């Protein structure tokens, strides 16, 4: 089995603010933590209000349409270097 690095570079797509970022994420972390950290960081960088308790986003693989579950560990998903992830706000 090929050894995997402890981080992967993803393309984070945030349609609600029309922004795209290349971000390195740890593969041994839960999806919900990565989700919250990415969205909060991007909103902070753009001086946009974000309520971490009530604003929920889903992570969707742009190529496959797969929605990642909060309790999945990144390494156990199909997220690899270059994966494009769309962050859509839940309504």
PDB file of N, CA and C in Angstrom:
ATOM      1  N   UNK A   1       0.846  -1.183   0.000  1.00  0.00           N
ATOM      2  CA  UNK A   1       0.000   0.000   0.000  1.00  0.00           C
ATOM      3  C   UNK A   1       0.889   1.243   0.000  1.00  0.00           C
ATOM      4  N   UNK A   2       0.551   2.201  -0.847  1.00  0.00           N
ATOM      5  CA  UNK A   2       1.325   3.426  -0.966  1.00  0.00           C
ATOM      6  C   UNK A   2       1.089   4.316   0.253  1.00  0.00           C
ATOM      7  N   UNK A   3       2.188   4.860   0.789  1.00  0.00           N
ATOM      8  CA  UNK A   3       2.080   5.754   1.949  1.00  0.00           C
ATOM      9  C   UNK A   3       1.489   7.086   1.501  1.00  0.00           C
ATOM     10  N   UNK A   4       0.538   7.574   2.272  1.00  0.00           N
ATOM     11  CA  UNK A   4      -0.116   8.836   1.943  1.00  0.00           C
ATOM     12  C   UNK A   4       0.454   9.935   2.834  1.00  0.00           C
ATOM     13  N   UNK A   5       0.626  11.132   2.279  1.00  0.00           N
ATOM     14  CA  UNK A   5       1.040  12.271   3.091  1.00  0.00           C
ATOM     15  C   UNK A   5      -0.024  12.562   4.125  1.00  0.00           C
ATOM     16  N   UNK A   6       0.352  13.325   5.155  1.00  0.00           N
ATOM     17  CA  UNK A   6      -0.628  13.613   6.199  1.00  0.00           C
ATOM     18  C   UNK A   6      -1.527  14.790   5.850  1.00  0.00           C
ATOM     19  N   UNK A   7      -1.299  15.414   4.702  1.00  0.00           N
ATOM     20  CA  UNK A   7      -2.163  16.500   4.233  1.00  0.00           C
ATOM     21  C   UNK A   7      -2.412  16.358   2.736  1.00  0.00           C
ATOM     22  N   UNK A   8      -3.555  16.875   2.303  1.00  0.00           N
ATOM     23  CA  UNK A   8      -3.866  16.915   0.877  1.00  0.00           C
ATOM     24  C   UNK A   8      -4.271  18.341   0.511  1.00  0.00           C
ATOM     25  N   UNK A   9      -4.007  18.708  -0.735  1.00  0.00           N
ATOM     26  CA  UNK A   9      -4.382  20.028  -1.239  1.00  0.00           C
ATOM     27  C   UNK A   9      -5.714  19.898  -1.960  1.00  0.00           C
ATOM     28  N   UNK A  10      -6.708  20.641  -1.471  1.00  0.00           N
ATOM     29  CA  UNK A  10      -8.018  20.633  -2.119  1.00  0.00           C
ATOM     30  C   UNK A  10      -8.316  22.015  -2.687  1.00  0.00           C
ATOM     31  N   UNK A  11      -9.291  22.069  -3.556  1.00  0.00           N
ATOM     32  CA  UNK A  11      -9.808  23.342  -4.054  1.00  0.00           C
ATOM     33  C   UNK A  11     -11.158  23.546  -3.378  1.00  0.00           C
ATOM     34  N   UNK A  12     -11.228  24.557  -2.502  1.00  0.00           N
ATOM     35  CA  UNK A  12     -12.460  24.872  -1.776  1.00  0.00           C
ATOM     36  C   UNK A  12     -13.238  25.915  -2.565  1.00  0.00           C
ATOM     37  N   UNK A  13     -14.448  25.557  -2.966  1.00  0.00           N
ATOM     38  CA  UNK A  13     -15.300  26.436  -3.771  1.00  0.00           C
ATOM     39  C   UNK A  13     -16.455  26.903  -2.891  1.00  0.00           C
ATOM     40  N   UNK A  14     -16.580  28.239  -2.730  1.00  0.00           N
ATOM     41  CA  UNK A  14     -17.638  28.818  -1.900  1.00  0.00           C
ATOM     42  C   UNK A  14     -18.536  29.660  -2.803  1.00  0.00           C
ATOM     43  N   UNK A  15     -19.578  29.058  -3.401  1.00  0.00           N
ATOM     44  CA  UNK A  15     -20.432  29.789  -4.345  1.00  0.00           C
ATOM     45  C   UNK A  15     -21.133  31.003  -3.744  1.00  0.00           C
ATOM     46  N   UNK A  16     -21.479  30.957  -2.454  1.00  0.00           N
ATOM     47  CA  UNK A  16     -22.240  32.063  -1.854  1.00  0.00           C
ATOM     48  C   UNK A  16     -21.473  33.375  -1.845  1.00  0.00           C
ATOM     49  N   UNK A  17     -20.137  33.300  -1.907  1.00  0.00           N
ATOM     50  CA  UNK A  17     -19.332  34.528  -1.965  1.00  0.00           C
ATOM     51  C   UNK A  17     -18.463  34.558  -3.219  1.00  0.00           C
ATOM     52  N   UNK A  18     -18.689  33.598  -4.122  1.00  0.00           N
ATOM     53  CA  UNK A  18     -17.977  33.533  -5.397  1.00  0.00           C
ATOM     54  C   UNK A  18     -16.462  33.515  -5.219  1.00  0.00           C
ATOM     55  N   UNK A  19     -15.970  32.620  -4.340  1.00  0.00           N
ATOM     56  CA  UNK A  19     -14.541  32.511  -4.057  1.00  0.00           C
ATOM     57  C   UNK A  19     -14.091  31.062  -4.189  1.00  0.00           C
ATOM     58  N   UNK A  20     -12.820  30.895  -4.603  1.00  0.00           N
ATOM     59  CA  UNK A  20     -12.196  29.579  -4.708  1.00  0.00           C
ATOM     60  C   UNK A  20     -10.804  29.675  -4.102  1.00  0.00           C
ATOM     61  N   UNK A  21     -10.454  28.707  -3.254  1.00  0.00           N
ATOM     62  CA  UNK A  21      -9.154  28.707  -2.588  1.00  0.00           C
ATOM     63  C   UNK A  21      -8.521  27.323  -2.668  1.00  0.00           C
ATOM     64  N   UNK A  22      -7.201  27.288  -2.815  1.00  0.00           N
ATOM     65  CA  UNK A  22      -6.444  26.049  -2.667  1.00  0.00           C
ATOM     66  C   UNK A  22      -6.037  25.968  -1.205  1.00  0.00           C
ATOM     67  N   UNK A  23      -6.405  24.866  -0.549  1.00  0.00           N
ATOM     68  CA  UNK A  23      -6.178  24.735   0.888  1.00  0.00           C
ATOM     69  C   UNK A  23      -5.629  23.336   1.193  1.00  0.00           C
ATOM     70  N   UNK A  24      -4.611  23.287   2.051  1.00  0.00           N
ATOM     71  CA  UNK A  24      -4.106  21.997   2.530  1.00  0.00           C
ATOM     72  C   UNK A  24      -4.884  21.621   3.783  1.00  0.00           C
ATOM     73  N   UNK A  25      -5.362  20.372   3.799  1.00  0.00           N
ATOM     74  CA  UNK A  25      -6.112  19.894   4.960  1.00  0.00           C
ATOM     75  C   UNK A  25      -5.486  18.600   5.480  1.00  0.00           C
ATOM     76  N   UNK A  26      -5.550  18.366   6.800  1.00  0.00           N
ATOM     77  CA  UNK A  26      -5.029  17.108   7.356  1.00  0.00           C
ATOM     78  C   UNK A  26      -5.964  15.948   7.029  1.00  0.00           C
ATOM     79  N   UNK A  27      -5.380  14.802   6.702  1.00  0.00           N
ATOM     80  CA  UNK A  27      -6.201  13.647   6.314  1.00  0.00           C
ATOM     81  C   UNK A  27      -6.726  12.867   7.513  1.00  0.00           C
ATOM     82  N   UNK A  28      -6.195  13.143   8.696  1.00  0.00           N
ATOM     83  CA  UNK A  28      -6.609  12.388   9.880  1.00  0.00           C
ATOM     84  C   UNK A  28      -7.637  13.145  10.712  1.00  0.00           C
ATOM     85  N   UNK A  29      -8.330  14.091  10.092  1.00  0.00           N
ATOM     86  CA  UNK A  29      -9.305  14.925  10.808  1.00  0.00           C
ATOM     87  C   UNK A  29     -10.720  14.603  10.328  1.00  0.00           C
ATOM     88  N   UNK A  30     -11.689  14.892  11.189  1.00  0.00           N
ATOM     89  CA  UNK A  30     -13.097  14.669  10.845  1.00  0.00           C
ATOM     90  C   UNK A  30     -13.587  15.743   9.873  1.00  0.00           C
ATOM     91  N   UNK A  31     -14.474  15.346   8.983  1.00  0.00           N
ATOM     92  CA  UNK A  31     -14.992  16.256   7.954  1.00  0.00           C
ATOM     93  C   UNK A  31     -15.649  17.494   8.559  1.00  0.00           C
ATOM     94  N   UNK A  32     -16.417  17.339   9.647  1.00  0.00           N
ATOM     95  CA  UNK A  32     -17.111  18.499  10.218  1.00  0.00           C
ATOM     96  C   UNK A  32     -16.125  19.541  10.738  1.00  0.00           C
ATOM     97  N   UNK A  33     -14.976  19.105  11.275  1.00  0.00           N
ATOM     98  CA  UNK A  33     -13.980  20.057  11.770  1.00  0.00           C
ATOM     99  C   UNK A  33     -13.343  20.817  10.610  1.00  0.00           C
ATOM    100  N   UNK A  34     -12.992  20.086   9.562  1.00  0.00           N
ATOM    101  CA  UNK A  34     -12.404  20.709   8.372  1.00  0.00           C
ATOM    102  C   UNK A  34     -13.397  21.708   7.784  1.00  0.00           C
ATOM    103  N   UNK A  35     -14.646  21.292   7.669  1.00  0.00           N
ATOM    104  CA  UNK A  35     -15.714  22.127   7.129  1.00  0.00           C
ATOM    105  C   UNK A  35     -15.798  23.451   7.896  1.00  0.00           C
ATOM    106  N   UNK A  36     -15.933  23.375   9.217  1.00  0.00           N
ATOM    107  CA  UNK A  36     -16.070  24.584  10.038  1.00  0.00           C
ATOM    108  C   UNK A  36     -14.844  25.480   9.926  1.00  0.00           C
ATOM    109  N   UNK A  37     -13.649  24.886   9.982  1.00  0.00           N
ATOM    110  CA  UNK A  37     -12.417  25.678   9.923  1.00  0.00           C
ATOM    111  C   UNK A  37     -12.260  26.395   8.589  1.00  0.00           C
ATOM    112  N   UNK A  38     -12.543  25.690   7.496  1.00  0.00           N
ATOM    113  CA  UNK A  38     -12.403  26.299   6.171  1.00  0.00           C
ATOM    114  C   UNK A  38     -13.399  27.437   5.992  1.00  0.00           C
ATOM    115  N   UNK A  39     -14.662  27.174   6.257  1.00  0.00           N
ATOM    116  CA  UNK A  39     -15.691  28.200   6.049  1.00  0.00           C
ATOM    117  C   UNK A  39     -15.434  29.412   6.944  1.00  0.00           C
ATOM    118  N   UNK A  40     -15.146  29.166   8.222  1.00  0.00           N
ATOM    119  CA  UNK A  40     -14.884  30.277   9.149  1.00  0.00           C
ATOM    120  C   UNK A  40     -13.675  31.098   8.676  1.00  0.00           C
ATOM    121  N   UNK A  41     -12.602  30.426   8.289  1.00  0.00           N
ATOM    122  CA  UNK A  41     -11.396  31.124   7.834  1.00  0.00           C
ATOM    123  C   UNK A  41     -11.658  31.968   6.598  1.00  0.00           C
ATOM    124  N   UNK A  42     -12.353  31.404   5.632  1.00  0.00           N
ATOM    125  CA  UNK A  42     -12.630  32.132   4.388  1.00  0.00           C
ATOM    126  C   UNK A  42     -13.531  33.334   4.650  1.00  0.00           C
ATOM    127  N   UNK A  43     -14.536  33.161   5.480  1.00  0.00           N
ATOM    128  CA  UNK A  43     -15.415  34.281   5.790  1.00  0.00           C
ATOM    129  C   UNK A  43     -14.657  35.365   6.566  1.00  0.00           C
ATOM    130  N   UNK A  44     -13.799  34.965   7.493  1.00  0.00           N
ATOM    131  CA  UNK A  44     -12.981  35.939   8.234  1.00  0.00           C
ATOM    132  C   UNK A  44     -12.064  36.716   7.293  1.00  0.00           C
ATOM    133  N   UNK A  45     -11.411  36.007   6.371  1.00  0.00           N
ATOM    134  CA  UNK A  45     -10.496  36.666   5.423  1.00  0.00           C
ATOM    135  C   UNK A  45     -11.221  37.683   4.551  1.00  0.00           C
ATOM    136  N   UNK A  46     -12.494  37.456   4.306  1.00  0.00           N
ATOM    137  CA  UNK A  46     -13.277  38.336   3.441  1.00  0.00           C
ATOM    138  C   UNK A  46     -14.169  39.301   4.224  1.00  0.00           C
ATOM    139  N   UNK A  47     -13.948  39.383   5.535  1.00  0.00           N
ATOM    140  CA  UNK A  47     -14.716  40.277   6.409  1.00  0.00           C
ATOM    141  C   UNK A  47     -16.233  40.097   6.263  1.00  0.00           C
ATOM    142  N   UNK A  48     -16.649  38.828   6.242  1.00  0.00           N
ATOM    143  CA  UNK A  48     -18.068  38.496   6.130  1.00  0.00           C
ATOM    144  C   UNK A  48     -18.507  37.853   7.437  1.00  0.00           C
ATOM    145  N   UNK A  49     -19.649  38.273   7.945  1.00  0.00           N
ATOM    146  CA  UNK A  49     -20.164  37.706   9.190  1.00  0.00           C
ATOM    147  C   UNK A  49     -20.471  36.219   9.008  1.00  0.00           C
ATOM    148  N   UNK A  50     -20.078  35.424   9.992  1.00  0.00           N
ATOM    149  CA  UNK A  50     -20.319  33.991   9.966  1.00  0.00           C
ATOM    150  C   UNK A  50     -20.584  33.535  11.393  1.00  0.00           C
ATOM    151  N   UNK A  51     -21.712  32.886  11.622  1.00  0.00           N
ATOM    152  CA  UNK A  51     -22.040  32.366  12.941  1.00  0.00           C
ATOM    153  C   UNK A  51     -21.737  30.877  12.961  1.00  0.00           C
ATOM    154  N   UNK A  52     -20.649  30.503  13.624  1.00  0.00           N
ATOM    155  CA  UNK A  52     -20.188  29.115  13.624  1.00  0.00           C
ATOM    156  C   UNK A  52     -21.212  28.156  14.241  1.00  0.00           C
ATOM    157  N   UNK A  53     -22.113  28.673  15.094  1.00  0.00           N
ATOM    158  CA  UNK A  53     -23.109  27.815  15.734  1.00  0.00           C
ATOM    159  C   UNK A  53     -24.336  27.555  14.850  1.00  0.00           C
ATOM    160  N   UNK A  54     -24.706  28.526  14.021  1.00  0.00           N
ATOM    161  CA  UNK A  54     -25.947  28.374  13.255  1.00  0.00           C
ATOM    162  C   UNK A  54     -25.753  28.259  11.746  1.00  0.00           C
ATOM    163  N   UNK A  55     -24.642  28.748  11.224  1.00  0.00           N
ATOM    164  CA  UNK A  55     -24.406  28.666   9.775  1.00  0.00           C
ATOM    165  C   UNK A  55     -23.738  27.335   9.452  1.00  0.00           C
ATOM    166  N   UNK A  56     -24.483  26.442   8.824  1.00  0.00           N
ATOM    167  CA  UNK A  56     -23.967  25.116   8.494  1.00  0.00           C
ATOM    168  C   UNK A  56     -23.791  24.967   6.995  1.00  0.00           C
ATOM    169  N   UNK A  57     -22.660  24.412   6.617  1.00  0.00           N
ATOM    170  CA  UNK A  57     -22.349  24.173   5.214  1.00  0.00           C
ATOM    171  C   UNK A  57     -22.134  22.690   4.995  1.00  0.00           C
ATOM    172  N   UNK A  58     -22.498  22.215   3.811  1.00  0.00           N
ATOM    173  CA  UNK A  58     -22.220  20.832   3.442  1.00  0.00           C
ATOM    174  C   UNK A  58     -21.062  20.828   2.468  1.00  0.00           C
ATOM    175  N   UNK A  59     -20.257  19.772   2.553  1.00  0.00           N
ATOM    176  CA  UNK A  59     -19.120  19.600   1.643  1.00  0.00           C
ATOM    177  C   UNK A  59     -19.540  18.619   0.557  1.00  0.00           C
ATOM    178  N   UNK A  60     -19.422  19.052  -0.698  1.00  0.00           N
ATOM    179  CA  UNK A  60     -19.851  18.230  -1.830  1.00  0.00           C
ATOM    180  C   UNK A  60     -18.696  18.103  -2.822  1.00  0.00           C
ATOM    181  N   UNK A  61     -18.404  16.879  -3.238  1.00  0.00           N
ATOM    182  CA  UNK A  61     -17.377  16.642  -4.246  1.00  0.00           C
ATOM    183  C   UNK A  61     -17.909  17.143  -5.586  1.00  0.00           C
ATOM    184  N   UNK A  62     -17.219  18.095  -6.194  1.00  0.00           N
ATOM    185  CA  UNK A  62     -17.689  18.705  -7.441  1.00  0.00           C
ATOM    186  C   UNK A  62     -17.796  17.680  -8.567  1.00  0.00           C
ATOM    187  N   UNK A  63     -16.867  16.739  -8.620  1.00  0.00           N
ATOM    188  CA  UNK A  63     -16.840  15.766  -9.718  1.00  0.00           C
ATOM    189  C   UNK A  63     -17.890  14.668  -9.566  1.00  0.00           C
ATOM    190  N   UNK A  64     -18.065  14.164  -8.331  1.00  0.00           N
ATOM    191  CA  UNK A  64     -18.938  13.007  -8.136  1.00  0.00           C
ATOM    192  C   UNK A  64     -20.295  13.359  -7.532  1.00  0.00           C
ATOM    193  N   UNK A  65     -20.413  14.552  -6.928  1.00  0.00           N
ATOM    194  CA  UNK A  65     -21.648  14.934  -6.264  1.00  0.00           C
ATOM    195  C   UNK A  65     -21.810  14.338  -4.877  1.00  0.00           C
ATOM    196  N   UNK A  66     -20.792  13.628  -4.424  1.00  0.00           N
ATOM    197  CA  UNK A  66     -20.855  13.004  -3.100  1.00  0.00           C
ATOM    198  C   UNK A  66     -20.902  14.067  -2.007  1.00  0.00           C
ATOM    199  N   UNK A  67     -21.818  13.876  -1.060  1.00  0.00           N
ATOM    200  CA  UNK A  67     -21.914  14.749   0.111  1.00  0.00           C
ATOM    201  C   UNK A  67     -21.213  14.022   1.262  1.00  0.00           C
ATOM    202  N   UNK A  68     -20.243  14.705   1.865  1.00  0.00           N
ATOM    203  CA  UNK A  68     -19.471  14.087   2.940  1.00  0.00           C
ATOM    204  C   UNK A  68     -20.197  14.202   4.269  1.00  0.00           C
ATOM    205  N   UNK A  69     -20.207  13.107   5.012  1.00  0.00           N
ATOM    206  CA  UNK A  69     -20.847  13.076   6.323  1.00  0.00           C
ATOM    207  C   UNK A  69     -19.904  13.692   7.351  1.00  0.00           C
ATOM    208  N   UNK A  70     -20.496  14.335   8.353  1.00  0.00           N
ATOM    209  CA  UNK A  70     -19.714  15.026   9.375  1.00  0.00           C
ATOM    210  C   UNK A  70     -18.725  14.140  10.110  1.00  0.00           C
ATOM    211  N   UNK A  71     -19.094  12.874  10.346  1.00  0.00           N
ATOM    212  CA  UNK A  71     -18.248  12.005  11.160  1.00  0.00           C
ATOM    213  C   UNK A  71     -17.229  11.204  10.348  1.00  0.00           C
ATOM    214  N   UNK A  72     -17.108  11.474   9.054  1.00  0.00           N
ATOM    215  CA  UNK A  72     -16.118  10.779   8.233  1.00  0.00           C
ATOM    216  C   UNK A  72     -14.734  11.382   8.446  1.00  0.00           C
ATOM    217  N   UNK A  73     -13.734  10.525   8.509  1.00  0.00           N
ATOM    218  CA  UNK A  73     -12.353  10.985   8.559  1.00  0.00           C
ATOM    219  C   UNK A  73     -11.893  11.168   7.111  1.00  0.00           C
ATOM    220  N   UNK A  74     -11.230  12.268   6.839  1.00  0.00           N
ATOM    221  CA  UNK A  74     -10.856  12.625   5.469  1.00  0.00           C
ATOM    222  C   UNK A  74     -10.153  11.479   4.737  1.00  0.00           C
ATOM    223  N   UNK A  75      -9.223  10.786   5.388  1.00  0.00           N
ATOM    224  CA  UNK A  75      -8.474   9.709   4.730  1.00  0.00           C
ATOM    225  C   UNK A  75      -9.382   8.555   4.294  1.00  0.00           C
ATOM    226  N   UNK A  76     -10.538   8.416   4.949  1.00  0.00           N
ATOM    227  CA  UNK A  76     -11.474   7.341   4.618  1.00  0.00           C
ATOM    228  C   UNK A  76     -12.451   7.732   3.507  1.00  0.00           C
ATOM    229  N   UNK A  77     -12.288   8.936   2.964  1.00  0.00           N
ATOM    230  CA  UNK A  77     -13.145   9.401   1.872  1.00  0.00           C
ATOM    231  C   UNK A  77     -12.367   9.338   0.565  1.00  0.00           C
ATOM    232  N   UNK A  78     -12.967   9.868  -0.500  1.00  0.00           N
ATOM    233  CA  UNK A  78     -12.269   9.932  -1.788  1.00  0.00           C
ATOM    234  C   UNK A  78     -11.564  11.278  -1.980  1.00  0.00           C
ATOM    235  N   UNK A  79     -11.400  12.043  -0.918  1.00  0.00           N
ATOM    236  CA  UNK A  79     -10.719  13.334  -1.016  1.00  0.00           C
ATOM    237  C   UNK A  79      -9.213  13.091  -1.111  1.00  0.00           C
ATOM    238  N   UNK A  80      -8.640  13.563  -2.204  1.00  0.00           N
ATOM    239  CA  UNK A  80      -7.205  13.430  -2.461  1.00  0.00           C
ATOM    240  C   UNK A  80      -6.699  14.754  -3.012  1.00  0.00           C
ATOM    241  N   UNK A  81      -5.388  14.835  -3.278  1.00  0.00           N
ATOM    242  CA  UNK A  81      -4.827  16.052  -3.858  1.00  0.00           C
ATOM    243  C   UNK A  81      -5.599  16.437  -5.114  1.00  0.00           C
ATOM    244  N   UNK A  82      -6.004  17.699  -5.176  1.00  0.00           N
ATOM    245  CA  UNK A  82      -6.691  18.205  -6.352  1.00  0.00           C
ATOM    246  C   UNK A  82      -8.211  18.074  -6.329  1.00  0.00           C
ATOM    247  N   UNK A  83      -8.752  17.399  -5.317  1.00  0.00           N
ATOM    248  CA  UNK A  83     -10.207  17.249  -5.226  1.00  0.00           C
ATOM    249  C   UNK A  83     -10.848  18.628  -5.061  1.00  0.00           C
ATOM    250  N   UNK A  84     -11.903  18.867  -5.835  1.00  0.00           N
ATOM    251  CA  UNK A  84     -12.634  20.129  -5.744  1.00  0.00           C
ATOM    252  C   UNK A  84     -13.869  19.909  -4.874  1.00  0.00           C
ATOM    253  N   UNK A  85     -13.935  20.673  -3.782  1.00  0.00           N
ATOM    254  CA  UNK A  85     -15.019  20.543  -2.830  1.00  0.00           C
ATOM    255  C   UNK A  85     -15.847  21.828  -2.835  1.00  0.00           C
ATOM    256  N   UNK A  86     -17.152  21.661  -3.045  1.00  0.00           N
ATOM    257  CA  UNK A  86     -18.075  22.809  -3.010  1.00  0.00           C
ATOM    258  C   UNK A  86     -18.661  22.872  -1.607  1.00  0.00           C
ATOM    259  N   UNK A  87     -18.632  24.062  -1.017  1.00  0.00           N
ATOM    260  CA  UNK A  87     -19.213  24.292   0.308  1.00  0.00           C
ATOM    261  C   UNK A  87     -20.519  25.055   0.112  1.00  0.00           C
ATOM    262  N   UNK A  88     -21.637  24.353   0.316  1.00  0.00           N
ATOM    263  CA  UNK A  88     -22.964  24.968   0.141  1.00  0.00           C
ATOM    264  C   UNK A  88     -23.645  25.121   1.489  1.00  0.00           C
ATOM    265  N   UNK A  89     -24.272  26.262   1.693  1.00  0.00           N
ATOM    266  CA  UNK A  89     -24.959  26.540   2.943  1.00  0.00           C
ATOM    267  C   UNK A  89     -26.244  25.721   3.011  1.00  0.00           C
ATOM    268  N   UNK A  90     -26.456  25.062   4.164  1.00  0.00           N
ATOM    269  CA  UNK A  90     -27.701  24.338   4.380  1.00  0.00           C
ATOM    270  C   UNK A  90     -28.815  25.328   4.639  1.00  0.00           C
ATOM    271  N   UNK A  91     -30.000  25.017   4.151  1.00  0.00           N
ATOM    272  CA  UNK A  91     -31.144  25.909   4.375  1.00  0.00           C
ATOM    273  C   UNK A  91     -32.139  25.272   5.288  1.00  0.00           C
TER     274      UNK A  91
END
